[in-house]
Protein backbone atom coordinates (compact mmCIF):
# COMPACT_ATOMS: atom_id res chain seq x y z
CA UNK A 1 -43.04 55.80 -20.61
CA UNK A 2 -41.16 58.13 -18.66
CA UNK A 3 -42.47 56.49 -15.49
CA UNK A 4 -42.43 53.31 -16.47
CA UNK A 5 -38.63 53.33 -17.48
CA UNK A 6 -38.15 54.96 -13.73
CA UNK A 7 -40.14 52.16 -12.72
CA UNK A 8 -38.21 49.74 -14.46
CA UNK A 9 -35.14 51.20 -13.02
CA UNK A 10 -36.21 51.06 -9.27
CA UNK A 11 -36.89 47.62 -9.60
CA UNK A 12 -33.32 46.73 -11.42
CA UNK A 13 -32.06 48.17 -8.41
CA UNK A 14 -33.85 46.54 -5.72
CA UNK A 15 -32.99 43.10 -7.16
CA UNK A 16 -29.48 43.92 -8.62
CA UNK A 17 -27.96 45.25 -5.72
CA UNK A 18 -26.40 41.42 -4.26
CA UNK A 19 -23.52 40.24 -6.05
CA UNK A 20 -23.27 36.43 -6.01
CA UNK A 21 -20.14 34.45 -7.34
CA UNK A 22 -18.37 31.68 -6.54
CA UNK A 23 -14.28 31.20 -5.33
CA UNK A 24 -11.68 29.06 -6.36
CA UNK A 25 -12.48 27.25 -3.16
CA UNK A 26 -15.97 26.51 -3.94
CA UNK A 27 -17.78 29.21 -1.57
CA UNK A 28 -20.61 31.25 -2.25
CA UNK A 29 -19.99 34.85 -1.79
CA UNK A 30 -23.08 37.27 -1.54
CA UNK A 31 -22.44 40.99 -0.81
CA UNK A 32 -24.04 43.96 -1.77
CA UNK A 33 -22.86 47.00 -3.57
CA UNK A 34 -24.42 49.89 -0.86
CA UNK A 35 -21.70 50.95 1.04
CA UNK A 36 -22.51 51.21 4.96
CA UNK A 37 -19.78 52.11 8.17
CA UNK A 38 -20.57 48.77 10.17
CA UNK A 39 -19.24 45.50 8.28
CA UNK A 40 -19.86 42.13 8.89
CA UNK A 41 -18.60 39.03 7.79
CA UNK A 42 -21.28 36.29 7.77
CA UNK A 43 -19.67 33.00 7.21
CA UNK A 44 -22.40 29.80 6.77
CA UNK A 45 -21.95 26.23 7.82
CA UNK A 46 -24.14 24.36 5.79
CA UNK A 47 -26.25 21.31 7.21
CA UNK A 48 -25.33 17.80 6.31
CA UNK A 49 -25.45 16.96 1.96
CA UNK A 50 -27.66 20.72 1.73
CA UNK A 51 -26.47 22.39 -1.60
CA UNK A 52 -24.98 25.40 -1.65
CA UNK A 53 -27.42 27.43 -3.80
CA UNK A 54 -30.15 26.16 -0.97
CA UNK A 55 -29.10 28.94 1.22
CA UNK A 56 -28.71 31.53 -0.98
CA UNK A 57 -32.45 33.00 -0.18
CA UNK A 58 -31.14 33.30 3.45
CA UNK A 59 -27.90 34.86 2.43
CA UNK A 60 -30.04 37.75 0.54
CA UNK A 61 -32.52 37.93 3.86
CA UNK A 62 -29.58 38.61 5.95
CA UNK A 63 -28.10 41.37 3.55
CA UNK A 64 -31.06 43.13 2.62
CA UNK A 65 -32.17 43.08 6.97
CA UNK A 66 -28.66 44.32 7.77
CA UNK A 67 -28.73 47.28 5.31
CA UNK A 68 -31.81 48.06 6.40
CA UNK A 69 -30.03 48.24 10.00
CA UNK A 70 -27.10 50.44 9.02
CA UNK A 71 -24.80 46.90 8.65
CA UNK A 72 -22.78 45.74 5.53
CA UNK A 73 -23.02 41.95 5.80
CA UNK A 74 -20.83 39.99 3.36
CA UNK A 75 -22.04 35.92 3.30
CA UNK A 76 -19.80 33.72 2.60
CA UNK A 77 -21.78 30.05 2.08
CA UNK A 78 -18.98 27.40 2.90
CA UNK A 79 -18.37 24.56 0.72
CA UNK A 80 -16.94 22.50 4.15
CA UNK A 81 -16.01 23.59 7.08
CA UNK A 82 -13.32 25.77 6.48
CA UNK A 83 -12.95 29.47 7.82
CA UNK A 84 -12.14 32.13 5.41
CA UNK A 85 -9.34 34.37 6.72
CA UNK A 86 -11.52 37.59 7.06
CA UNK A 87 -12.40 40.07 10.01
CA UNK A 88 -15.35 40.14 11.98
CA UNK A 89 -16.85 37.41 11.73
CA UNK A 90 -19.48 35.83 12.72
CA UNK A 91 -19.88 32.30 11.75
CA UNK A 92 -23.42 30.75 11.41
CA UNK A 93 -23.83 27.07 11.40
CA UNK A 94 -27.07 25.01 10.39
CA UNK A 95 -27.78 21.49 11.59
CA UNK A 96 -24.76 19.29 11.39
CA UNK A 97 -22.98 22.80 10.64
CA UNK A 98 -24.00 23.90 13.82
CA UNK A 99 -21.91 21.35 15.90
CA UNK A 100 -19.12 22.21 14.04
CA UNK A 101 -19.40 25.82 14.97
CA UNK A 102 -19.68 25.48 18.19
CA UNK A 103 -16.96 23.31 18.47
CA UNK A 104 -14.72 25.56 16.36
CA UNK A 105 -11.74 27.89 18.75
CA UNK A 106 -11.13 30.13 15.90
CA UNK A 107 -11.14 34.09 17.02
CA UNK A 108 -14.48 35.30 15.87
CA UNK A 109 -17.04 38.05 16.71
CA UNK A 110 -19.71 35.66 18.02
CA UNK A 111 -21.26 32.12 16.76
CA UNK A 112 -24.68 31.58 15.82
CA UNK A 113 -26.47 28.28 15.59
CA UNK A 114 -29.74 27.24 14.10
CA UNK A 115 -31.53 24.09 14.06
CA UNK A 116 -28.74 22.39 15.81
CA UNK A 117 -27.73 20.94 20.15
CA UNK A 118 -26.28 23.39 22.43
CA UNK A 119 -23.33 22.89 24.06
CA UNK A 120 -24.68 20.57 26.71
CA UNK A 121 -26.46 18.12 25.28
CA UNK A 122 -23.19 16.79 23.87
CA UNK A 123 -21.59 16.33 27.07
CA UNK A 124 -20.51 13.04 28.30
CA UNK A 125 -20.97 11.38 24.40
CA UNK A 126 -18.43 11.00 21.59
CA UNK A 127 -19.33 14.14 20.54
CA UNK A 128 -18.25 16.20 23.72
CA UNK A 129 -17.35 19.95 22.26
CA UNK A 130 -13.84 20.87 23.07
CA UNK A 131 -14.22 24.59 23.05
CA UNK A 132 -15.68 25.05 26.59
CA UNK A 133 -15.11 28.84 26.46
CA UNK A 134 -17.74 31.47 27.17
CA UNK A 135 -17.67 33.40 24.09
CA UNK A 136 -20.77 34.95 22.52
CA UNK A 137 -23.23 32.37 21.14
CA UNK A 138 -26.22 32.63 20.13
CA UNK A 139 -28.84 29.69 20.03
CA UNK A 140 -31.73 29.56 17.52
CA UNK A 141 -34.24 26.07 17.44
CA UNK A 142 -37.47 26.54 15.71
CA UNK A 143 -41.08 26.28 17.50
CA UNK A 144 -41.83 23.81 14.37
CA UNK A 145 -38.09 21.95 13.94
CA UNK A 146 -38.89 18.13 13.30
CA UNK A 147 -35.27 17.32 13.71
CA UNK A 148 -34.57 18.32 17.09
CA UNK A 149 -36.76 19.97 19.87
CA UNK A 150 -36.90 23.27 21.24
CA UNK A 151 -36.73 22.02 24.53
CA UNK A 152 -32.94 21.88 23.97
CA UNK A 153 -32.70 25.14 24.84
CA UNK A 154 -34.33 24.97 28.11
CA UNK A 155 -31.72 22.31 28.75
CA UNK A 156 -28.87 25.04 28.18
CA UNK A 157 -30.90 27.05 29.95
CA UNK A 158 -30.55 25.49 33.52
CA UNK A 159 -26.65 24.31 32.15
CA UNK A 160 -25.86 28.26 31.97
CA UNK A 161 -27.06 29.09 35.32
CA UNK A 162 -25.20 26.22 36.42
CA UNK A 163 -21.96 27.01 35.42
CA UNK A 164 -22.75 30.85 35.42
CA UNK A 165 -22.41 31.00 31.44
CA UNK A 166 -23.53 34.81 30.57
CA UNK A 167 -22.54 34.97 27.09
CA UNK A 168 -24.60 31.74 25.48
CA UNK A 169 -28.42 33.42 24.16
CA UNK A 170 -31.22 31.39 23.47
CA UNK A 171 -33.80 31.82 21.20
CA UNK A 172 -36.67 29.86 19.79
CA UNK A 173 -37.96 31.07 16.76
CA UNK A 174 -41.54 30.91 14.42
CA UNK A 175 -39.84 28.12 12.12
CA UNK A 176 -39.00 24.66 11.06
CA UNK A 177 -35.89 23.30 10.23
CA UNK A 178 -35.55 23.74 6.47
CA UNK A 179 -36.92 27.17 5.88
CA UNK A 180 -33.31 28.70 5.75
CA UNK A 181 -32.58 26.02 2.75
CA UNK A 182 -36.08 26.88 1.02
CA UNK A 183 -37.80 23.94 2.66
CA UNK A 184 -36.03 21.45 0.23
CA UNK A 185 -35.39 17.92 1.98
CA UNK A 186 -32.05 15.98 1.36
CA UNK A 187 -31.91 12.64 0.33
CA UNK A 188 -29.92 11.49 3.40
CA UNK A 189 -32.94 13.08 6.12
CA UNK A 190 -35.61 11.13 3.95
CA UNK A 191 -33.57 8.20 3.88
CA UNK A 192 -33.10 8.57 7.94
CA UNK A 193 -36.84 9.43 7.85
CA UNK A 194 -36.36 13.03 9.29
CA UNK A 195 -39.72 14.64 9.18
CA UNK A 196 -39.53 18.52 9.28
CA UNK A 197 -43.25 20.56 10.08
CA UNK A 198 -44.33 22.87 8.37
CA UNK A 199 -43.17 21.98 4.90
CA UNK A 200 -46.43 23.47 2.91
CA UNK A 201 -45.85 26.94 4.21
CA UNK A 202 -44.09 29.76 2.42
CA UNK A 203 -40.59 29.26 3.92
CA UNK A 204 -40.00 33.30 3.61
CA UNK A 205 -42.46 33.75 6.46
CA UNK A 206 -39.85 31.69 8.54
CA UNK A 207 -36.93 32.73 6.94
CA UNK A 208 -37.77 36.21 7.60
CA UNK A 209 -38.56 35.45 11.49
CA UNK A 210 -34.84 33.65 11.92
CA UNK A 211 -33.52 36.87 9.85
CA UNK A 212 -34.84 39.26 11.77
CA UNK A 213 -33.53 37.15 14.90
CA UNK A 214 -30.04 37.23 14.08
CA UNK A 215 -30.02 40.69 12.80
CA UNK A 216 -31.08 42.01 16.35
CA UNK A 217 -28.71 39.73 17.70
CA UNK A 218 -26.07 41.15 15.51
CA UNK A 219 -27.38 45.10 16.89
CA UNK A 220 -27.09 43.68 20.76
CA UNK A 221 -23.56 42.96 20.19
CA UNK A 222 -22.92 46.36 19.63
CA UNK A 223 -25.42 47.43 22.05
CA UNK A 224 -26.30 45.58 25.25
CA UNK A 225 -29.61 47.30 25.88
CA UNK A 226 -30.75 46.03 22.48
CA UNK A 227 -33.92 43.35 22.65
CA UNK A 228 -33.14 40.47 20.17
CA UNK A 229 -36.10 39.25 18.27
CA UNK A 230 -38.09 36.73 19.80
CA UNK A 231 -36.99 37.00 23.41
CA UNK A 232 -40.36 37.38 25.03
CA UNK A 233 -41.99 34.76 22.95
CA UNK A 234 -38.83 32.47 23.79
CA UNK A 235 -39.79 33.13 27.81
CA UNK A 236 -43.29 31.90 26.77
CA UNK A 237 -43.33 29.09 24.98
CA UNK A 238 -40.36 27.16 27.40
CA UNK A 239 -43.29 27.74 30.02
CA UNK A 240 -45.76 25.53 27.78
CA UNK A 241 -46.22 22.02 26.71
CA UNK A 242 -47.76 22.57 23.07
CA UNK A 243 -49.62 20.15 21.08
CA UNK A 244 -48.48 19.06 17.88
CA UNK A 245 -50.94 17.51 15.72
CA UNK A 246 -49.19 14.79 13.45
CA UNK A 247 -50.93 14.11 10.35
CA UNK A 248 -48.82 11.55 8.98
CA UNK A 249 -48.31 7.93 10.43
CA UNK A 250 -45.11 7.34 10.01
CA UNK A 251 -44.44 11.07 10.75
CA UNK A 252 -45.77 10.07 14.25
CA UNK A 253 -43.71 7.35 14.55
CA UNK A 254 -40.15 9.20 14.36
CA UNK A 255 -41.75 11.80 17.27
CA UNK A 256 -40.43 11.84 20.80
CA UNK A 257 -42.43 13.68 23.19
CA UNK A 258 -40.68 16.11 25.94
CA UNK A 259 -41.46 18.44 28.75
CA UNK A 260 -42.18 21.42 25.67
CA UNK A 261 -43.84 19.05 23.16
CA UNK A 262 -47.03 16.76 22.67
CA UNK A 263 -48.06 14.54 19.84
CA UNK A 264 -51.16 13.26 18.68
CA UNK A 265 -52.40 11.36 15.75
CA UNK A 266 -55.96 10.94 14.87
CA UNK A 267 -56.27 7.18 13.21
CA UNK A 268 -59.79 7.80 11.07
CA UNK A 269 -59.45 4.29 9.52
CA UNK A 270 -59.35 2.50 12.97
CA UNK A 271 -61.31 5.01 15.09
CA UNK A 272 -58.09 5.60 17.71
CA UNK A 273 -56.55 8.75 18.81
CA UNK A 274 -52.81 8.41 19.75
CA UNK A 275 -50.91 10.80 22.38
CA UNK A 276 -47.50 10.74 23.25
CA UNK A 277 -46.20 13.10 26.20
CA UNK A 278 -43.63 13.17 28.62
CA UNK A 279 -43.72 14.59 32.43
CA UNK A 280 -46.01 15.96 34.77
CA UNK A 281 -48.58 16.30 32.00
CA UNK A 282 -48.97 12.59 30.95
CA UNK A 283 -49.45 12.32 35.00
CA UNK A 284 -52.19 14.42 34.81
CA UNK A 285 -53.74 12.98 31.29
CA UNK A 286 -53.37 9.54 33.62
CA UNK A 287 -55.35 10.90 36.25
CA UNK A 288 -57.98 12.67 34.42
CA UNK A 289 -58.63 9.35 32.29
CA UNK A 290 -58.69 7.07 35.94
CA UNK A 291 -61.53 9.30 37.16
CA UNK A 292 -63.18 10.41 33.78
CA UNK A 293 -63.25 8.35 31.64
CA UNK A 294 -65.41 5.01 32.03
CA UNK A 295 -63.49 2.21 29.71
CA UNK A 296 -60.72 0.47 31.63
CA UNK A 297 -57.28 1.47 30.99
CA UNK A 298 -54.47 -1.42 30.22
CA UNK A 299 -50.57 -0.44 30.70
CA UNK A 300 -48.99 -2.77 27.91
CA UNK A 301 -44.86 -3.14 28.25
CA UNK A 302 -43.96 -2.10 24.93
CA UNK A 303 -44.74 0.19 22.18
CA UNK A 304 -45.62 -2.61 19.28
CA UNK A 305 -48.64 -3.31 21.96
CA UNK A 306 -49.39 0.24 22.56
CA UNK A 307 -49.73 0.39 18.50
CA UNK A 308 -51.03 -2.97 17.47
CA UNK A 309 -53.21 -4.44 20.75
CA UNK A 310 -56.49 -5.20 18.79
CA UNK A 311 -58.37 -4.10 22.69
CA UNK A 312 -60.69 -1.48 22.31
CA UNK A 313 -59.98 -0.16 26.11
CA UNK A 314 -57.85 2.63 26.74
CA UNK A 315 -54.12 1.62 26.13
CA UNK A 316 -51.48 2.93 28.27
CA UNK A 317 -47.53 2.73 28.20
CA UNK A 318 -45.01 4.32 30.41
CA UNK A 319 -40.89 4.11 28.74
CA UNK A 320 -39.46 5.55 32.52
CA UNK A 321 -35.67 5.89 31.40
CA UNK A 322 -37.33 8.84 29.62
CA UNK A 323 -40.44 9.37 31.37
CA UNK A 324 -42.77 9.02 27.87
CA UNK A 325 -46.16 8.54 28.69
CA UNK A 326 -48.01 6.99 25.54
CA UNK A 327 -51.86 6.61 25.68
CA UNK A 328 -54.31 5.33 22.65
CA UNK A 329 -58.29 6.14 22.90
CA UNK A 330 -60.32 3.81 21.23
CA UNK A 331 -62.01 7.25 19.78
CA UNK A 332 -61.36 10.34 17.82
CA UNK A 333 -60.59 13.23 19.78
CA UNK A 334 -63.15 15.82 18.69
């Protein structure tokens, strides 16, 4: 009986050390009863229309991993894009919150975005970033993010090199867009036909990968010899063009290829294979089909013909402005 009591006491302590309460401004605060010398205020600016409660598990993960690295992190999930008057603050923005995060000019220790475009992507648009300072910024995009492609990190990498930006770190994690919000889709994302990937996978696995990356970046801010989690992984993945098989036809229609991602859809009813690719990989695929395939290749001038043409030959469509190459093969790739 005594052993059972001790086990229950330990279990209670593990689950009860994080306090959660709501402020008068509608923000959610999460903090730990365990005191450490190194204190950080971690402020979360949410994605559009995502409830604050969906970020609680992510906040707990940040606190837990911080304590394991001797860092006491107080998490504030803001109801709006307002910055509480806190010291030693790291501002974190998810999705739409990421745009507001990098556009913010308040004095913070660092800014972190997840599932949001880096600064350079907004240049020459109506959303042009006003904050041009070379401050501490970590941009994270998941490999399986269905809302935004991690190739944006590659574009920002070239931008940083061209303009001699030193304090902008770029990391690709093994995660999707919504894992830090419990993989819960919103009405707006459904309405806009935004399809995230890996929604059927346990979100905790991907969320923990994001949390580890964030904690390692906080350690890096205090010691530049610290390696940011997924740094080597990011270097490798940005060199490749990965193939993603999409099982939903509607989802496939919404995909856009780039130099990092090629999309494949197998239509077993019509016995077609659809491929969307970009850049040199598309040129190589076209060359292989021209020299190795016995069927004729017909180039069409729009995507409707590419999708609905009843021709049983190979169909090819090129969108020159974006260098997209679309292929439809009259058989299923095994």
